[in-house]
Structure formats: C-alpha cells, structure tokens
Amino acid sequence: MRVVKSIRFAPLIALVVQGLFFSLSASEELNKNPPAMSIWERPRYEKAMQYAEKGSIDLAIPGLKKIAELYPDNAEAHAYLGWAYSQKGLIPDAIEELQKVLQINPDFQRVPFEYPMAKEVPAEVGEFIANFEDVIDRVDEFPGAHAVLGLYYVQLGRLGDALNEYKKVLNLENDSRKRESHADEKETISVIDQAIKEYEEVLQVKPDCVNAYIKLACAHAEKGMVDHSIEDMPKAISMEPDRTEAHVYLSCFYAMKGMLNEALHELGEAQKIRDGVLEKLLTEGEHSMNACIFDKAITAAQEAIKVYPKNKKAYYLLATAYNRNGETDKAIETCKEVIHRYPEDVQAYAFLGWMYVHCDLYEDAKELVEWTIRKEPDNAEIRALMAVLYASQDQLEEAITMCDMVIDKISANGKSIKDFGWMRGKVPFIDQKFREVMDILEIKSDYAEAYLCLGWLYSKKGEDGKAISAYKKVIGLTPDSYDAHRRLGNAYIQKGEIKDAAIEYKKALNILSGIQLQ
C-alpha cells in the first residue's frame, strides 16, 4: 500500500532535543565550505531556499534540482531538495537526495543537518517522536507509519534516520505495485478503490469486524483520505478499546494531519494498554519461575517480548527460564540479543560471561571479560567473574587480588554481588551421572573424589548450595585438597559471597605453595 502521498503537514516542523544532538555550531561547521557556486547561479539557489523555508515546495523544487545537477558535490543543495521531496511524499526521490548528502558528508549520520526551518517548533514534536518510536513496532508493516516517522526525521535534520525509514517504506511495497504506480497512477487508485469497496462490503455483513475497520482506515489513508481514516479507527477502538495497534494507527493518522496533541493522546493510550499487558505477562512468568514451571515461564517471556520487543526485563526472564530449563544454547542466544539491543548494559555481559563459565566455554568468557573490563574497569561483577577465570587457570594470587578489589568496591558503595549460583551448565546425561556418583557414595561414604564430582555436578545443575556442602564434605575428609578449596571458592563467588571465596582461594594457594616447596 502506498500512503506517503497522502501525508500533508501545514506547518514546517523540526526539533532540536536538548542533549540529543550536537550543538548548532557543530552542525554549522559541517555545512561550511560547499563547492564554489557561480555568481549567476547563486541568486537562483538563494531564491529556491527561500521558497523551501516558506513552505512553497512546488516553487522550490525546480531551482533546487537545477543547482543539485550543476553542483553534485553540494551537500546543502541535496539536503534541501531531499527535504522538499519528503514534504511532497516523493519517497524514492527523497531517498536519492538523502543518500547523496550522506555520501558527500558521512558525518550527517551522527550530526543533524541544521535547516533554518528548525528554529521554532512546538514542544509536542519531540514528545511525539520519542513515543511513536516506542510503539511503532505495533504497526511495523504499515508503510504510512514509517513514512510519517521519516518525514519528521527529515525535518529534524536526522537524515540517516529518515533514510532508514524511507527505505522501509519502499521495502514494504510490492515491486510490481511500485512500478505500476509510477507508470499508471489510475491503475493504483483503482486498486485502492477496490480495497475500500471490499472492506465496506465486509462491514455491511459484519459491522462489528474490527480488522475490517482497521484495514479500511489504512486504505483511506493510502488514498489520501486521512479524515476518513480518523473517522474509521475510533469505531474499531469502541469495539476493542484494549487493542494497542488501533490506538497507534489512529495516532499515526493524526500525525499525518499535524494534530500532535491528539496523536500524543492516542500514543499514551497505546502505551498504557501495552504496559498493563506486559506487567501481567512478566508477573506470570516470574511466578512460573518460582514454581519451577519453566516451560510456562518461557512462554510468558516470549509473549512479553512480542508485546514490547524493547523490554529488557522480558529478555532476562527468557534467558533465565531457558537456562533453568536446560536449554543453554537458547539462553546464550537470548543473552546475546540483550547485548545487541543494550550494548551499554554491563549486567548483560556478566550474565553471559557466567553462562559461558557454566558451559566450560572459558575462552569465550575471557574474551567477553577482556572487552567488558575496558568498558567498565570498576564493575564488581565483572571482577568477580575474572576471579573465577583466574582460578580456573590456577592463577590464585590474581584471583585473590580480584576478590579483594570486589570486596573494596562493594564495601564502598554498599551494594552486593548478584547470585549467579542458580545457573545451569551444559552436561550431557547429568542425571545419569548423579545416579552413578550416588551409587558410589552408597557403597563408600567416605570417598572424597566422589564428593568432589558431586559438588561439580550440583554446580552444573544450578544448585550451588548443595555444591558447597559437597565441597565442604571433601575438605572434611581431606583438608589439604587443593581442588576442593579452589572449587569451593568458585562456588562462593557464583553465589556472590566474595569474602568466603577469598578465604578458600588463600587456603588453596597455601596448599599449592606447600606442594611446590616439597
């Protein structure tokens, strides 16, 4: 469906959000020194820009197009022309010009282009952009949503973001439909009219069909009849008031008309509905986790992500549920998704690092820690993970140093280390191995090696409390067991008990030193 030509904004809208972009002077610096322009062409260019700045788009385009042809390396000319095309809903032409701007000056991927039209704007613009970005996933298949967002991005000077949205518009349209719309506009209009007719016929038979109202509203918007769309959607909402996407669609239609207060109201309703459903699913998932019904927790977390793909808590719930259910590979992939979405969330790196350790993927864990520690060198949980990795290489002095650093850190800020002792490892036939060890201990109850293996199995099963008891049993039988003290130290760290871990590492180091001296 082609909606972009139906979008019309009366005012020229733009925004500079405090703290979001570089300063005006920084952007102006990027606009300086365009290719020298002939004194004969300069008046044409200045007049075209004045037309654009006043909103006389049809008068601006010919002059801007001529200058862009004469001076293909002038980023400013292409930016103005791209802006003008976006105002007319000429998405392919806008894409072509914006791409040229970014090719000439890639810095505009990160710094907004400062159009003079961006000087005075209503505060509602920034609020609308932020809220619409938050819920656009609910109408992600609707080209008009991306066209609206792209148009606002252009007016904000966020050319890279606008380009991405406009490309989504084209990708959502069928290639043959696009060719037909360029070759024969009447044929495209007849297709839209046919769709409208069919939806109206459905509603005559089934006047309570919400989907038909939603599709009819979108078809009306595609034809440029946005007022009709605004009339259609409330009918759908009246029948299903808790349908999130209906409110988002209506907000989009209001935005097409420049009615931002109304658009913001509908976005608020959509977010309220979404957050209520999300909270219910997360609570259900957490209750299922506590009841050890992990399949149900996984389902609840997956549904929560569908409701709100940006919710970090839902991803953590899913990763945890996968891990507790023994689906370690899926847990790792979910954790990687968290890092992809939230690269600044160091907690996600610690989560994944511990998962690697429990799966004996020490090299992967070390690589992750090396990267993360450069990002946040004072993070206590990463330092705790480093202690275990050092201990796994028998570098106990370094492990103790890490413990001391963690103890100092948590003492200074009054926080504690998270308990990762619940994490499951990846051990094939672990239940069978448990039975074998228990059979051995039934025959020989004082067999220290069997308790050492039992502690390792408990740790891999995510039962570090039992693992600690098993390691203590080994130490009771053989006080000088280096492995028992080292593994007990690891188990304490996984549970966040750093002081006890340091004590065990020191005992292991003393034992190791004694062996070396003999």
Protein backbone atom coordinates (compact mmCIF):
# COMPACT_ATOMS: atom_id res chain seq x y z
CA MET A 1 0.00 0.00 0.00
CA ARG A 2 1.24 3.46 -0.89
CA VAL A 3 0.47 6.06 1.75
CA VAL A 4 3.24 8.60 1.50
CA LYS A 5 1.47 10.87 -0.98
CA SER A 6 -1.37 11.33 1.45
CA ILE A 7 0.81 12.95 4.08
CA ARG A 8 0.42 16.70 4.32
CA PHE A 9 1.67 18.97 7.09
CA ALA A 10 0.58 22.59 7.27
CA PRO A 11 3.41 23.85 9.49
CA LEU A 12 7.10 23.28 8.95
CA ILE A 13 8.05 21.11 11.89
CA ALA A 14 11.52 20.44 13.31
CA LEU A 15 13.21 19.83 16.61
CA VAL A 16 16.45 20.07 18.46
CA VAL A 17 16.12 17.94 21.59
CA GLN A 18 18.30 19.10 24.45
CA GLY A 19 21.21 16.73 24.93
CA LEU A 20 20.28 14.51 21.98
CA PHE A 21 22.23 16.17 19.20
CA PHE A 22 25.49 18.03 18.76
CA SER A 23 25.38 21.81 19.11
CA LEU A 24 24.20 24.06 16.32
CA SER A 25 27.73 25.32 15.81
CA ALA A 26 28.99 21.78 15.31
CA SER A 27 26.40 21.14 12.62
CA GLU A 28 27.01 24.51 11.01
CA GLU A 29 30.68 23.62 10.79
CA LEU A 30 29.74 20.60 8.71
CA ASN A 31 27.66 22.81 6.40
CA LYS A 32 30.55 25.14 5.65
CA ASN A 33 32.67 25.27 2.54
CA PRO A 34 30.30 23.91 -0.10
CA PRO A 35 31.69 23.81 -3.66
CA ALA A 36 32.09 27.30 -5.12
CA MET A 37 28.92 28.44 -6.88
CA SER A 38 28.78 30.76 -9.88
CA ILE A 39 27.60 34.27 -9.13
CA TRP A 40 24.99 33.70 -11.84
CA GLU A 41 23.57 30.64 -10.09
CA ARG A 42 23.76 31.93 -6.53
CA PRO A 43 20.54 34.02 -6.79
CA ARG A 44 18.65 31.03 -8.20
CA TYR A 45 19.81 28.91 -5.25
CA GLU A 46 19.01 31.50 -2.61
CA LYS A 47 15.56 32.07 -4.05
CA ALA A 48 14.86 28.32 -4.11
CA MET A 49 15.95 28.00 -0.47
CA GLN A 50 13.68 30.90 0.49
CA TYR A 51 10.76 29.16 -1.20
CA ALA A 52 11.57 25.98 0.73
CA GLU A 53 11.85 27.80 4.03
CA LYS A 54 8.47 29.45 3.46
CA GLY A 55 6.85 26.13 2.59
CA SER A 56 6.38 26.86 -1.12
CA ILE A 57 7.61 23.42 -2.07
CA ASP A 58 6.46 23.37 -5.71
CA LEU A 59 8.29 26.64 -6.36
CA ALA A 60 11.42 25.47 -4.54
CA ILE A 61 11.95 22.12 -6.26
CA PRO A 62 12.87 23.31 -9.81
CA GLY A 63 15.59 25.66 -8.58
CA LEU A 64 16.99 23.19 -6.06
CA LYS A 65 17.00 20.44 -8.66
CA LYS A 66 18.91 22.63 -11.12
CA ILE A 67 21.54 23.56 -8.53
CA ALA A 68 21.93 19.93 -7.42
CA GLU A 69 22.57 18.97 -11.05
CA LEU A 70 25.08 21.77 -11.62
CA TYR A 71 26.86 21.21 -8.29
CA PRO A 72 26.58 17.47 -7.49
CA ASP A 73 29.01 17.76 -4.55
CA ASN A 74 27.00 20.44 -2.75
CA ALA A 75 25.55 18.60 0.26
CA GLU A 76 23.38 21.54 1.24
CA ALA A 77 21.59 21.64 -2.11
CA HIS A 78 20.86 17.90 -1.96
CA ALA A 79 19.68 18.21 1.64
CA TYR A 80 17.21 20.97 0.73
CA LEU A 81 15.99 19.02 -2.29
CA GLY A 82 15.60 15.87 -0.19
CA TRP A 83 13.63 17.86 2.35
CA ALA A 84 11.37 19.25 -0.38
CA TYR A 85 10.75 15.82 -1.88
CA SER A 86 9.90 14.41 1.56
CA GLN A 87 7.31 17.17 2.03
CA LYS A 88 5.66 16.10 -1.22
CA GLY A 89 5.69 12.42 -0.24
CA LEU A 90 8.06 11.59 -3.12
CA ILE A 91 9.89 8.91 -1.17
CA PRO A 92 12.15 7.46 -3.92
CA ASP A 93 13.33 10.95 -4.90
CA ALA A 94 13.89 11.90 -1.26
CA ILE A 95 15.94 8.71 -0.73
CA GLU A 96 18.14 9.51 -3.72
CA GLU A 97 18.93 13.01 -2.44
CA LEU A 98 19.49 11.97 1.19
CA GLN A 99 21.86 9.24 0.06
CA LYS A 100 23.87 11.81 -1.87
CA VAL A 101 24.09 14.03 1.23
CA LEU A 102 25.42 11.18 3.35
CA GLN A 103 27.87 10.13 0.65
CA ILE A 104 29.25 13.67 0.41
CA ASN A 105 29.38 14.10 4.19
CA PRO A 106 29.03 10.89 6.23
CA ASP A 107 29.14 12.98 9.43
CA PHE A 108 25.46 13.72 8.92
CA GLN A 109 24.81 10.15 10.05
CA ARG A 110 25.51 11.34 13.60
CA VAL A 111 25.00 15.11 13.46
CA PRO A 112 21.70 16.66 12.33
CA PHE A 113 21.58 18.88 9.30
CA GLU A 114 20.51 22.29 10.59
CA TYR A 115 17.73 23.51 8.35
CA PRO A 116 16.70 27.11 9.10
CA MET A 117 13.15 25.75 9.36
CA ALA A 118 14.24 24.05 12.57
CA LYS A 119 14.41 27.18 14.67
CA GLU A 120 11.00 27.39 16.31
CA VAL A 121 8.96 24.27 16.89
CA PRO A 122 6.27 23.14 19.34
CA ALA A 123 7.47 21.02 22.25
CA GLU A 124 4.97 18.30 21.27
CA VAL A 125 7.15 17.33 18.29
CA GLY A 126 9.93 15.83 20.37
CA GLU A 127 7.47 14.06 22.63
CA PHE A 128 5.65 12.60 19.65
CA ILE A 129 8.85 11.31 18.04
CA ALA A 130 10.01 9.59 21.24
CA ASN A 131 6.64 7.99 21.94
CA PHE A 132 6.00 6.94 18.36
CA GLU A 133 9.41 5.29 18.15
CA ASP A 134 8.46 3.37 21.29
CA VAL A 135 5.34 1.78 19.77
CA ILE A 136 5.94 1.73 16.03
CA ASP A 137 6.63 -2.00 16.23
CA ARG A 138 2.85 -2.46 16.70
CA VAL A 139 2.23 -1.17 13.16
CA ASP A 140 5.57 -2.10 11.65
CA GLU A 141 4.01 -3.49 8.46
CA PHE A 142 2.16 -0.25 7.71
CA PRO A 143 4.23 1.86 5.26
CA GLY A 144 2.49 5.03 6.39
CA ALA A 145 3.94 4.73 9.88
CA HIS A 146 7.48 4.72 8.53
CA ALA A 147 6.64 7.50 6.08
CA VAL A 148 5.42 9.71 8.94
CA LEU A 149 8.49 8.97 11.02
CA GLY A 150 10.77 9.56 8.04
CA LEU A 151 9.13 12.90 7.32
CA TYR A 152 9.62 14.06 10.91
CA TYR A 153 13.22 12.85 10.89
CA VAL A 154 13.94 14.91 7.78
CA GLN A 155 12.51 17.99 9.43
CA LEU A 156 14.64 17.27 12.48
CA GLY A 157 17.68 17.09 10.21
CA ARG A 158 18.21 13.44 11.19
CA LEU A 159 18.92 12.43 7.63
CA GLY A 160 20.36 8.99 8.32
CA ASP A 161 17.33 8.00 10.40
CA ALA A 162 14.98 9.39 7.76
CA LEU A 163 16.74 7.41 5.06
CA ASN A 164 16.31 4.20 7.04
CA GLU A 165 12.58 4.81 7.49
CA TYR A 166 12.02 5.70 3.86
CA LYS A 167 13.79 2.53 2.76
CA LYS A 168 11.42 0.57 4.98
CA VAL A 169 8.50 2.23 3.16
CA LEU A 170 9.79 1.01 -0.19
CA ASN A 171 10.64 -2.45 1.13
CA LEU A 172 7.09 -2.86 2.39
CA GLU A 173 5.65 -2.12 -1.01
CA ASN A 174 5.46 -4.74 -3.72
CA ASP A 175 7.92 -4.06 -6.54
CA SER A 176 5.28 -4.53 -9.18
CA ARG A 177 2.89 -2.21 -7.31
CA LYS A 178 5.59 0.46 -7.25
CA ARG A 179 6.24 0.17 -10.97
CA GLU A 180 2.52 0.31 -11.68
CA SER A 181 2.05 3.39 -9.52
CA HIS A 182 4.81 5.22 -11.41
CA ALA A 183 3.59 4.07 -14.84
CA ASP A 184 -0.15 4.40 -14.36
CA GLU A 185 -1.46 6.23 -11.33
CA LYS A 186 -5.08 5.50 -12.27
CA GLU A 187 -4.50 1.77 -12.02
CA THR A 188 -3.14 2.15 -8.49
CA ILE A 189 -6.08 4.30 -7.46
CA SER A 190 -8.50 1.69 -8.84
CA VAL A 191 -6.80 -0.95 -6.71
CA ILE A 192 -7.24 1.22 -3.61
CA ASP A 193 -10.86 1.93 -4.51
CA GLN A 194 -11.47 -1.79 -4.91
CA ALA A 195 -9.96 -2.46 -1.49
CA ILE A 196 -12.12 0.22 0.11
CA LYS A 197 -15.21 -1.23 -1.56
CA GLU A 198 -14.41 -4.75 -0.32
CA TYR A 199 -13.85 -3.64 3.28
CA GLU A 200 -17.07 -1.64 3.23
CA GLU A 201 -18.92 -4.71 1.95
CA VAL A 202 -17.45 -6.80 4.77
CA LEU A 203 -18.64 -4.23 7.29
CA GLN A 204 -22.14 -4.30 5.85
CA VAL A 205 -22.29 -8.02 6.58
CA LYS A 206 -20.21 -7.91 9.78
CA PRO A 207 -20.50 -4.41 11.26
CA ASP A 208 -18.52 -5.49 14.32
CA CYS A 209 -15.44 -6.65 12.36
CA VAL A 210 -12.58 -4.70 13.94
CA ASN A 211 -10.00 -5.88 11.41
CA ALA A 212 -12.10 -4.59 8.55
CA TYR A 213 -12.30 -1.13 10.15
CA ILE A 214 -8.53 -1.08 10.64
CA LYS A 215 -7.85 -2.10 7.03
CA LEU A 216 -10.43 0.34 5.73
CA ALA A 217 -8.77 3.15 7.69
CA CYS A 218 -5.38 2.27 6.22
CA ALA A 219 -6.83 2.11 2.70
CA HIS A 220 -8.42 5.52 3.16
CA ALA A 221 -5.06 6.88 4.33
CA GLU A 222 -3.40 5.36 1.27
CA LYS A 223 -5.79 7.24 -0.97
CA GLY A 224 -5.14 10.47 0.90
CA MET A 225 -8.48 10.42 2.70
CA VAL A 226 -6.95 10.75 6.17
CA ASP A 227 -10.08 12.42 7.57
CA HIS A 228 -11.97 9.23 6.76
CA SER A 229 -9.22 7.20 8.45
CA ILE A 230 -9.64 9.28 11.58
CA GLU A 231 -13.37 8.54 11.47
CA ASP A 232 -12.88 4.79 10.86
CA MET A 233 -10.44 3.95 13.63
CA PRO A 234 -12.47 5.14 16.66
CA LYS A 235 -15.18 2.69 15.55
CA ALA A 236 -12.68 -0.14 15.88
CA ILE A 237 -11.48 1.20 19.23
CA SER A 238 -15.05 1.42 20.55
CA MET A 239 -15.44 -2.32 19.93
CA GLU A 240 -11.98 -3.33 21.21
CA PRO A 241 -10.71 -0.48 23.40
CA ASP A 242 -7.70 -2.51 24.59
CA ARG A 243 -6.35 -3.16 21.11
CA THR A 244 -2.96 -1.45 21.21
CA GLU A 245 -2.31 -1.16 17.49
CA ALA A 246 -5.64 0.58 16.85
CA HIS A 247 -4.51 3.48 19.03
CA VAL A 248 -1.12 3.56 17.31
CA TYR A 249 -2.75 3.67 13.86
CA LEU A 250 -5.03 6.49 14.98
CA SER A 251 -2.04 8.38 16.35
CA CYS A 252 -0.31 7.95 13.00
CA PHE A 253 -3.34 9.35 11.15
CA TYR A 254 -3.47 12.33 13.48
CA ALA A 255 0.25 12.92 12.85
CA MET A 256 -0.42 12.93 9.10
CA LYS A 257 -2.73 15.87 9.72
CA GLY A 258 -0.28 17.62 12.06
CA MET A 259 -2.64 17.09 15.04
CA LEU A 260 0.11 16.26 17.50
CA ASN A 261 -1.83 16.72 20.74
CA GLU A 262 -4.39 14.19 19.57
CA ALA A 263 -1.61 11.91 18.32
CA LEU A 264 0.12 12.06 21.71
CA HIS A 265 -3.11 11.18 23.49
CA GLU A 266 -3.52 8.03 21.42
CA LEU A 267 0.12 7.07 21.93
CA GLY A 268 -0.38 7.43 25.67
CA GLU A 269 -3.40 5.12 25.50
CA ALA A 270 -1.42 2.59 23.47
CA GLN A 271 1.48 2.61 25.92
CA LYS A 272 -0.85 2.28 28.90
CA ILE A 273 -2.55 -0.78 27.39
CA ARG A 274 0.76 -2.32 26.37
CA ASP A 275 2.38 -1.78 29.75
CA GLY A 276 -0.60 -3.37 31.53
CA VAL A 277 -0.42 -6.50 29.38
CA LEU A 278 3.36 -6.58 29.72
CA GLU A 279 3.27 -6.38 33.51
CA LYS A 280 0.73 -9.19 33.66
CA LEU A 281 2.89 -11.46 31.48
CA LEU A 282 6.09 -10.70 33.42
CA THR A 283 4.36 -11.40 36.74
CA GLU A 284 3.01 -14.66 35.36
CA GLY A 285 6.50 -15.59 34.12
CA GLU A 286 8.12 -14.83 37.46
CA HIS A 287 5.50 -16.86 39.34
CA SER A 288 6.12 -19.76 36.96
CA MET A 289 9.86 -19.48 37.57
CA ASN A 290 9.34 -19.60 41.34
CA ALA A 291 7.14 -22.68 40.88
CA CYS A 292 9.83 -24.26 38.63
CA ILE A 293 7.36 -24.44 35.72
CA PHE A 294 9.97 -23.28 33.27
CA ASP A 295 8.08 -24.05 30.05
CA LYS A 296 5.31 -21.75 31.17
CA ALA A 297 7.84 -19.07 32.14
CA ILE A 298 9.40 -19.31 28.68
CA THR A 299 6.00 -18.86 27.01
CA ALA A 300 5.16 -15.86 29.19
CA ALA A 301 8.53 -14.22 28.44
CA GLN A 302 8.15 -14.83 24.70
CA GLU A 303 4.69 -13.27 24.76
CA ALA A 304 6.03 -10.31 26.73
CA ILE A 305 8.68 -9.72 24.07
CA LYS A 306 6.01 -9.79 21.37
CA VAL A 307 4.05 -7.18 23.30
CA TYR A 308 7.11 -4.97 23.81
CA PRO A 309 10.29 -6.01 21.96
CA LYS A 310 12.31 -3.32 23.75
CA ASN A 311 11.63 -4.61 27.26
CA LYS A 312 14.92 -5.70 28.81
CA LYS A 313 13.27 -7.45 31.74
CA ALA A 314 11.42 -9.80 29.38
CA TYR A 315 14.67 -10.85 27.71
CA TYR A 316 16.33 -11.53 31.06
CA LEU A 317 13.32 -13.59 32.11
CA LEU A 318 13.50 -15.59 28.89
CA ALA A 319 17.26 -16.19 29.20
CA THR A 320 16.87 -17.29 32.82
CA ALA A 321 13.95 -19.58 32.03
CA TYR A 322 15.80 -21.17 29.12
CA ASN A 323 18.82 -21.76 31.34
CA ARG A 324 16.81 -23.24 34.20
CA ASN A 325 15.00 -25.47 31.70
CA GLY A 326 18.32 -26.85 30.47
CA GLU A 327 18.12 -25.08 27.08
CA THR A 328 21.52 -23.48 27.47
CA ASP A 329 22.16 -22.65 23.82
CA LYS A 330 18.89 -20.71 23.63
CA ALA A 331 19.75 -18.95 26.87
CA ILE A 332 23.09 -17.85 25.43
CA GLU A 333 21.49 -16.61 22.21
CA THR A 334 18.90 -14.66 24.19
CA CYS A 335 21.61 -13.06 26.27
CA LYS A 336 23.46 -12.08 23.10
CA GLU A 337 20.25 -10.44 21.90
CA VAL A 338 20.14 -8.39 25.10
CA ILE A 339 23.71 -7.22 24.46
CA HIS A 340 22.84 -6.39 20.85
CA ARG A 341 19.88 -4.28 21.94
CA TYR A 342 21.52 -2.79 25.04
CA PRO A 343 25.29 -2.60 24.39
CA GLU A 344 25.77 -0.34 27.42
CA ASP A 345 24.21 -2.83 29.85
CA VAL A 346 27.26 -4.36 31.58
CA GLN A 347 24.95 -6.61 33.61
CA ALA A 348 24.14 -8.48 30.38
CA TYR A 349 27.85 -9.12 29.78
CA ALA A 350 28.22 -10.54 33.30
CA PHE A 351 25.14 -12.70 32.76
CA LEU A 352 26.54 -14.11 29.50
CA GLY A 353 30.02 -14.50 30.98
CA TRP A 354 28.71 -16.66 33.82
CA MET A 355 26.75 -18.70 31.33
CA TYR A 356 29.95 -19.33 29.38
CA VAL A 357 31.72 -20.41 32.57
CA HIS A 358 28.95 -22.84 33.46
CA CYS A 359 29.21 -24.32 29.96
CA ASP A 360 33.03 -24.57 30.31
CA LEU A 361 33.47 -22.07 27.48
CA TYR A 362 36.32 -20.35 29.27
CA GLU A 363 37.93 -18.79 26.21
CA ASP A 364 34.62 -17.20 25.21
CA ALA A 365 34.19 -15.94 28.77
CA LYS A 366 37.72 -14.50 28.83
CA GLU A 367 37.21 -12.70 25.53
CA LEU A 368 33.95 -11.23 26.80
CA VAL A 369 35.56 -10.10 30.06
CA GLU A 370 38.54 -8.54 28.29
CA TRP A 371 36.20 -6.38 26.22
CA THR A 372 33.89 -5.51 29.10
CA ILE A 373 36.60 -4.62 31.60
CA ARG A 374 37.89 -1.99 29.19
CA LYS A 375 34.37 -0.61 29.01
CA GLU A 376 33.79 -0.52 32.76
CA PRO A 377 37.01 -1.34 34.68
CA ASP A 378 35.48 -0.91 38.14
CA ASN A 379 32.50 -3.20 37.67
CA ALA A 380 32.44 -5.55 40.67
CA GLU A 381 30.54 -8.37 38.97
CA ILE A 382 32.97 -8.48 36.05
CA ARG A 383 35.88 -8.53 38.51
CA ALA A 384 34.22 -11.41 40.38
CA LEU A 385 33.91 -13.30 37.10
CA MET A 386 37.58 -12.59 36.44
CA ALA A 387 38.45 -14.19 39.79
CA VAL A 388 36.83 -17.46 38.73
CA LEU A 389 38.56 -17.35 35.35
CA TYR A 390 41.92 -16.79 37.04
CA ALA A 391 41.22 -19.64 39.45
CA SER A 392 40.34 -21.94 36.55
CA GLN A 393 43.92 -21.36 35.28
CA ASP A 394 45.40 -21.94 38.77
CA GLN A 395 46.33 -18.24 38.98
CA LEU A 396 45.18 -17.99 42.58
CA GLU A 397 47.13 -14.88 43.53
CA GLU A 398 45.38 -12.98 40.72
CA ALA A 399 42.04 -14.49 41.78
CA ILE A 400 42.59 -13.28 45.35
CA THR A 401 43.51 -9.81 44.06
CA MET A 402 40.26 -9.69 42.13
CA CYS A 403 38.34 -10.75 45.26
CA ASP A 404 39.97 -8.00 47.28
CA MET A 405 39.07 -5.44 44.61
CA VAL A 406 35.46 -6.61 44.63
CA ILE A 407 35.28 -6.52 48.44
CA ASP A 408 36.61 -2.95 48.45
CA LYS A 409 34.16 -1.94 45.75
CA ILE A 410 31.06 -3.36 47.40
CA SER A 411 32.14 -2.02 50.79
CA ALA A 412 32.47 1.45 49.31
CA ASN A 413 29.08 1.58 47.60
CA GLY A 414 27.15 -0.65 49.98
CA LYS A 415 25.94 -2.91 47.18
CA SER A 416 26.19 -6.68 46.95
CA ILE A 417 27.15 -9.02 44.12
CA LYS A 418 24.37 -10.83 42.31
CA ASP A 419 23.88 -14.52 43.00
CA PHE A 420 24.61 -16.50 39.82
CA GLY A 421 24.71 -19.80 41.65
CA TRP A 422 21.37 -20.84 40.16
CA MET A 423 22.77 -21.08 36.64
CA ARG A 424 22.80 -24.46 34.96
CA GLY A 425 25.72 -25.78 32.95
CA LYS A 426 25.72 -27.98 29.89
CA VAL A 427 26.48 -31.54 30.95
CA PRO A 428 25.15 -34.44 28.82
CA PHE A 429 23.36 -37.17 30.79
CA ILE A 430 23.80 -35.23 34.04
CA ASP A 431 21.02 -37.14 35.82
CA GLN A 432 22.67 -40.44 34.95
CA LYS A 433 25.99 -39.15 36.25
CA PHE A 434 24.27 -38.14 39.50
CA ARG A 435 22.93 -41.65 39.94
CA GLU A 436 26.37 -43.14 39.31
CA VAL A 437 28.03 -40.89 41.90
CA MET A 438 25.30 -41.52 44.46
CA ASP A 439 25.67 -45.29 43.90
CA ILE A 440 29.40 -44.99 44.60
CA LEU A 441 28.79 -42.98 47.78
CA GLU A 442 26.26 -45.53 48.97
CA ILE A 443 28.98 -48.15 48.78
CA LYS A 444 31.82 -45.96 50.02
CA SER A 445 30.51 -42.99 52.01
CA ASP A 446 33.97 -41.54 52.74
CA TYR A 447 35.14 -41.38 49.11
CA ALA A 448 36.40 -37.79 48.75
CA GLU A 449 36.71 -37.90 44.96
CA ALA A 450 33.05 -38.86 44.64
CA TYR A 451 32.01 -35.84 46.75
CA LEU A 452 34.24 -33.64 44.61
CA CYS A 453 32.44 -34.90 41.49
CA LEU A 454 29.09 -34.50 43.24
CA GLY A 455 29.88 -30.87 44.02
CA TRP A 456 30.77 -30.25 40.38
CA LEU A 457 27.52 -31.86 39.22
CA TYR A 458 25.45 -29.81 41.67
CA SER A 459 27.15 -26.68 40.42
CA LYS A 460 26.35 -27.56 36.80
CA LYS A 461 22.76 -28.24 37.82
CA GLY A 462 22.45 -24.76 39.26
CA GLU A 463 22.33 -25.92 42.89
CA ASP A 464 25.35 -24.16 44.35
CA GLY A 465 24.14 -24.52 47.94
CA LYS A 466 24.37 -28.30 47.60
CA ALA A 467 27.64 -27.95 45.70
CA ILE A 468 29.13 -26.00 48.62
CA SER A 469 28.03 -28.72 51.06
CA ALA A 470 29.66 -31.38 48.87
CA TYR A 471 32.95 -29.47 48.65
CA LYS A 472 32.93 -28.96 52.42
CA LYS A 473 32.46 -32.71 52.82
CA VAL A 474 35.59 -33.25 50.70
CA ILE A 475 37.54 -30.81 52.87
CA GLY A 476 36.31 -32.59 55.99
CA LEU A 477 37.67 -35.88 54.60
CA THR A 478 40.84 -34.41 53.02
CA PRO A 479 41.63 -30.96 54.45
CA ASP A 480 44.56 -30.47 52.08
CA SER A 481 42.53 -30.91 48.88
CA TYR A 482 43.60 -28.11 46.60
CA ASP A 483 40.76 -28.76 44.13
CA ALA A 484 38.12 -28.74 46.87
CA HIS A 485 39.19 -25.35 48.22
CA ARG A 486 39.52 -23.85 44.73
CA ARG A 487 36.12 -25.12 43.60
CA LEU A 488 34.55 -24.07 46.87
CA GLY A 489 35.95 -20.58 46.24
CA ASN A 490 34.39 -20.61 42.78
CA ALA A 491 31.03 -21.68 44.22
CA TYR A 492 31.12 -18.90 46.79
CA ILE A 493 31.83 -16.32 44.08
CA GLN A 494 28.93 -17.61 41.99
CA LYS A 495 26.70 -17.02 45.00
CA GLY A 496 28.15 -13.55 45.49
CA GLU A 497 29.91 -14.45 48.78
CA ILE A 498 33.26 -12.90 47.89
CA LYS A 499 34.91 -12.84 51.32
CA ASP A 500 34.37 -16.58 51.78
CA ALA A 501 35.69 -17.15 48.26
CA ALA A 502 38.90 -15.23 49.05
CA ILE A 503 39.42 -17.35 52.17
CA GLU A 504 39.14 -20.57 50.17
CA TYR A 505 41.45 -19.31 47.41
CA LYS A 506 44.06 -18.41 50.04
CA LYS A 507 43.81 -21.89 51.54
CA ALA A 508 44.21 -23.42 48.09
CA LEU A 509 47.21 -21.17 47.42
CA ASN A 510 48.83 -22.21 50.70
CA ILE A 511 48.31 -25.87 49.82
CA LEU A 512 49.74 -25.32 46.34
CA SER A 513 52.74 -23.44 47.77
CA GLY A 514 53.36 -26.23 50.23
CA ILE A 515 53.35 -28.80 47.45
CA GLN A 516 55.77 -26.72 45.41
CA LEU A 517 58.17 -26.37 48.35
CA GLN A 518 58.42 -30.13 48.93
